[in-house]
Structure formats: C-alpha cells, structure tokens
Amino acid sequence: MTTTPPAAPTTVAFHVQAVISFAVSLVAVGLAVAYLPADPWVRAFLALAVLYVVTSAFTLAKCVRDRQESAGVISRVDQARLDRLLAEHDPFKVDA
C-alpha cells in the first residue's frame, strides 16, 4: 500500500521573497505610471489596467489552488476506497 507524501509547505523565506517581489513589482509599475510623460487620463487608464491585472492574477491563482485542492481530495477518497477494498478482500475465502 503506497501513498503519496503530502506536498511540502512553502518555507517562510520563500513566502517572504514572494511578498517582497510582488510589492517591488507593484511599486515599480505604479511609479512608472505616475511619472509617465502623458496626460492624467492616460496615466489613470494605465493605473486602472494595472489594478485589473493584479486582481485577475489573484483570482486565477485562487482558482488554480482550489482546483488542485479538490483534485487532491478526490484522489484521497479514491485511495481510501481502494485501501478498504484491498483490506476486506480475502484471497483464501471459498464461496460455497
């Protein structure tokens, strides 16, 4: 009976790196849009587009995570059913 080990959780260092990377990239794009030599309405449009991309990225990441988690639950349920069937199976049982 083999089971797959659970996925290793991310380390604190990786989490901090991801948060810092996200913050730096968002600040960099925000500064680039703010100092863009263009009319204010063009800068506002680009700032709104950046916010839309950020919220869409979070939504996509959540959907991917939810799909992976649900696939893992289904896999565990199937594995539990198979384990139960194998445990209940008696190869030496003689049916009369």
C-alpha atoms as a PDB file:
ATOM      1  CA  MET A   1       0.000   0.000   0.000  1.00  0.00           C
ATOM      2  CA  THR A   2       1.753   3.124  -1.209  1.00  0.00           C
ATOM      3  CA  THR A   3       0.516   6.595  -0.591  1.00  0.00           C
ATOM      4  CA  THR A   4       1.919   9.770  -1.991  1.00  0.00           C
ATOM      5  CA  PRO A   5       3.510  12.041   0.585  1.00  0.00           C
ATOM      6  CA  PRO A   6       1.818  15.394   1.098  1.00  0.00           C
ATOM      7  CA  ALA A   7       3.306  18.337  -0.720  1.00  0.00           C
ATOM      8  CA  ALA A   8       5.898  20.171   1.316  1.00  0.00           C
ATOM      9  CA  PRO A   9       4.607  23.514   2.561  1.00  0.00           C
ATOM     10  CA  THR A  10       6.439  26.582   1.391  1.00  0.00           C
ATOM     11  CA  THR A  11       9.149  27.880   3.655  1.00  0.00           C
ATOM     12  CA  VAL A  12       8.919  31.214   5.419  1.00  0.00           C
ATOM     13  CA  ALA A  13      11.827  32.532   3.343  1.00  0.00           C
ATOM     14  CA  PHE A  14      10.042  31.669   0.089  1.00  0.00           C
ATOM     15  CA  HIS A  15       6.841  33.323   1.309  1.00  0.00           C
ATOM     16  CA  VAL A  16       8.718  36.490   2.306  1.00  0.00           C
ATOM     17  CA  GLN A  17      10.528  36.525  -1.048  1.00  0.00           C
ATOM     18  CA  ALA A  18       7.231  36.228  -2.918  1.00  0.00           C
ATOM     19  CA  VAL A  19       5.619  39.046  -0.928  1.00  0.00           C
ATOM     20  CA  ILE A  20       8.635  41.337  -1.365  1.00  0.00           C
ATOM     21  CA  SER A  21       8.836  40.555  -5.080  1.00  0.00           C
ATOM     22  CA  PHE A  22       5.160  41.339  -5.535  1.00  0.00           C
ATOM     23  CA  ALA A  23       5.444  44.595  -3.582  1.00  0.00           C
ATOM     24  CA  VAL A  24       8.532  45.749  -5.509  1.00  0.00           C
ATOM     25  CA  SER A  25       6.951  44.979  -8.881  1.00  0.00           C
ATOM     26  CA  LEU A  26       3.700  46.740  -7.965  1.00  0.00           C
ATOM     27  CA  VAL A  27       5.555  49.819  -6.679  1.00  0.00           C
ATOM     28  CA  ALA A  28       7.771  49.893  -9.777  1.00  0.00           C
ATOM     29  CA  VAL A  29       4.807  49.791 -12.132  1.00  0.00           C
ATOM     30  CA  GLY A  30       2.980  52.365 -10.016  1.00  0.00           C
ATOM     31  CA  LEU A  31       5.935  54.751 -10.167  1.00  0.00           C
ATOM     32  CA  ALA A  32       6.343  54.165 -13.886  1.00  0.00           C
ATOM     33  CA  VAL A  33       2.693  55.026 -14.496  1.00  0.00           C
ATOM     34  CA  ALA A  34       2.859  58.044 -12.159  1.00  0.00           C
ATOM     35  CA  TYR A  35       5.918  59.532 -13.855  1.00  0.00           C
ATOM     36  CA  LEU A  36       4.866  58.665 -17.390  1.00  0.00           C
ATOM     37  CA  PRO A  37       5.024  61.768 -19.593  1.00  0.00           C
ATOM     38  CA  ALA A  38       1.383  61.605 -20.626  1.00  0.00           C
ATOM     39  CA  ASP A  39      -1.946  63.202 -19.859  1.00  0.00           C
ATOM     40  CA  PRO A  40      -3.507  62.401 -16.478  1.00  0.00           C
ATOM     41  CA  TRP A  41      -6.349  60.431 -18.058  1.00  0.00           C
ATOM     42  CA  VAL A  42      -3.817  58.161 -19.836  1.00  0.00           C
ATOM     43  CA  ARG A  43      -1.992  57.566 -16.538  1.00  0.00           C
ATOM     44  CA  ALA A  44      -5.300  56.879 -14.794  1.00  0.00           C
ATOM     45  CA  PHE A  45      -6.260  54.392 -17.508  1.00  0.00           C
ATOM     46  CA  LEU A  46      -2.920  52.580 -17.159  1.00  0.00           C
ATOM     47  CA  ALA A  47      -3.204  52.551 -13.361  1.00  0.00           C
ATOM     48  CA  LEU A  48      -6.672  51.029 -13.646  1.00  0.00           C
ATOM     49  CA  ALA A  49      -5.321  48.444 -16.086  1.00  0.00           C
ATOM     50  CA  VAL A  50      -2.557  47.501 -13.621  1.00  0.00           C
ATOM     51  CA  LEU A  51      -5.115  47.071 -10.831  1.00  0.00           C
ATOM     52  CA  TYR A  52      -7.231  44.895 -13.120  1.00  0.00           C
ATOM     53  CA  VAL A  53      -4.233  42.695 -13.956  1.00  0.00           C
ATOM     54  CA  VAL A  54      -3.333  42.330 -10.274  1.00  0.00           C
ATOM     55  CA  THR A  55      -6.855  41.351  -9.215  1.00  0.00           C
ATOM     56  CA  SER A  56      -7.143  38.958 -12.161  1.00  0.00           C
ATOM     57  CA  ALA A  57      -3.843  37.328 -11.187  1.00  0.00           C
ATOM     58  CA  PHE A  58      -5.070  36.795  -7.622  1.00  0.00           C
ATOM     59  CA  THR A  59      -8.339  35.331  -8.886  1.00  0.00           C
ATOM     60  CA  LEU A  60      -6.542  32.982 -11.277  1.00  0.00           C
ATOM     61  CA  ALA A  61      -4.153  31.841  -8.544  1.00  0.00           C
ATOM     62  CA  LYS A  62      -7.099  31.123  -6.236  1.00  0.00           C
ATOM     63  CA  CYS A  63      -8.918  29.140  -8.939  1.00  0.00           C
ATOM     64  CA  VAL A  64      -5.822  27.060  -9.695  1.00  0.00           C
ATOM     65  CA  ARG A  65      -5.273  26.404  -5.979  1.00  0.00           C
ATOM     66  CA  ASP A  66      -8.911  25.400  -5.464  1.00  0.00           C
ATOM     67  CA  ARG A  67      -8.801  23.018  -8.434  1.00  0.00           C
ATOM     68  CA  GLN A  68      -5.603  21.381  -7.154  1.00  0.00           C
ATOM     69  CA  GLU A  69      -7.041  21.009  -3.664  1.00  0.00           C
ATOM     70  CA  SER A  70     -10.261  19.446  -4.958  1.00  0.00           C
ATOM     71  CA  ALA A  71      -8.280  17.043  -7.151  1.00  0.00           C
ATOM     72  CA  GLY A  72      -6.252  16.055  -4.091  1.00  0.00           C
ATOM     73  CA  VAL A  73      -9.400  15.384  -2.058  1.00  0.00           C
ATOM     74  CA  ILE A  74     -10.883  13.237  -4.829  1.00  0.00           C
ATOM     75  CA  SER A  75      -7.619  11.333  -5.130  1.00  0.00           C
ATOM     76  CA  ARG A  76      -7.523  10.677  -1.373  1.00  0.00           C
ATOM     77  CA  VAL A  77     -11.124   9.461  -1.369  1.00  0.00           C
ATOM     78  CA  ASP A  78     -10.401   7.087  -4.262  1.00  0.00           C
ATOM     79  CA  GLN A  79      -7.265   5.838  -2.492  1.00  0.00           C
ATOM     80  CA  ALA A  80      -9.228   5.248   0.724  1.00  0.00           C
ATOM     81  CA  ARG A  81     -11.854   3.239  -1.166  1.00  0.00           C
ATOM     82  CA  LEU A  82      -9.177   1.130  -2.815  1.00  0.00           C
ATOM     83  CA  ASP A  83      -7.425   0.571   0.517  1.00  0.00           C
ATOM     84  CA  ARG A  84     -10.693  -0.539   2.104  1.00  0.00           C
ATOM     85  CA  LEU A  85     -11.444  -2.958  -0.734  1.00  0.00           C
ATOM     86  CA  LEU A  86      -7.967  -4.445  -0.508  1.00  0.00           C
ATOM     87  CA  ALA A  87      -8.215  -4.766   3.273  1.00  0.00           C
ATOM     88  CA  GLU A  88     -11.581  -6.531   3.050  1.00  0.00           C
ATOM     89  CA  HIS A  89     -10.511  -8.872   0.257  1.00  0.00           C
ATOM     90  CA  ASP A  90      -9.701 -12.391   1.392  1.00  0.00           C
ATOM     91  CA  PRO A  91      -7.981 -14.350  -1.405  1.00  0.00           C
ATOM     92  CA  PHE A  92      -8.375 -17.612   0.521  1.00  0.00           C
ATOM     93  CA  LYS A  93     -12.122 -17.287   1.043  1.00  0.00           C
ATOM     94  CA  VAL A  94     -14.047 -20.128  -0.599  1.00  0.00           C
ATOM     95  CA  ASP A  95     -17.535 -19.332  -1.825  1.00  0.00           C
ATOM     96  CA  ALA A  96     -19.945 -22.215  -1.448  1.00  0.00           C
END
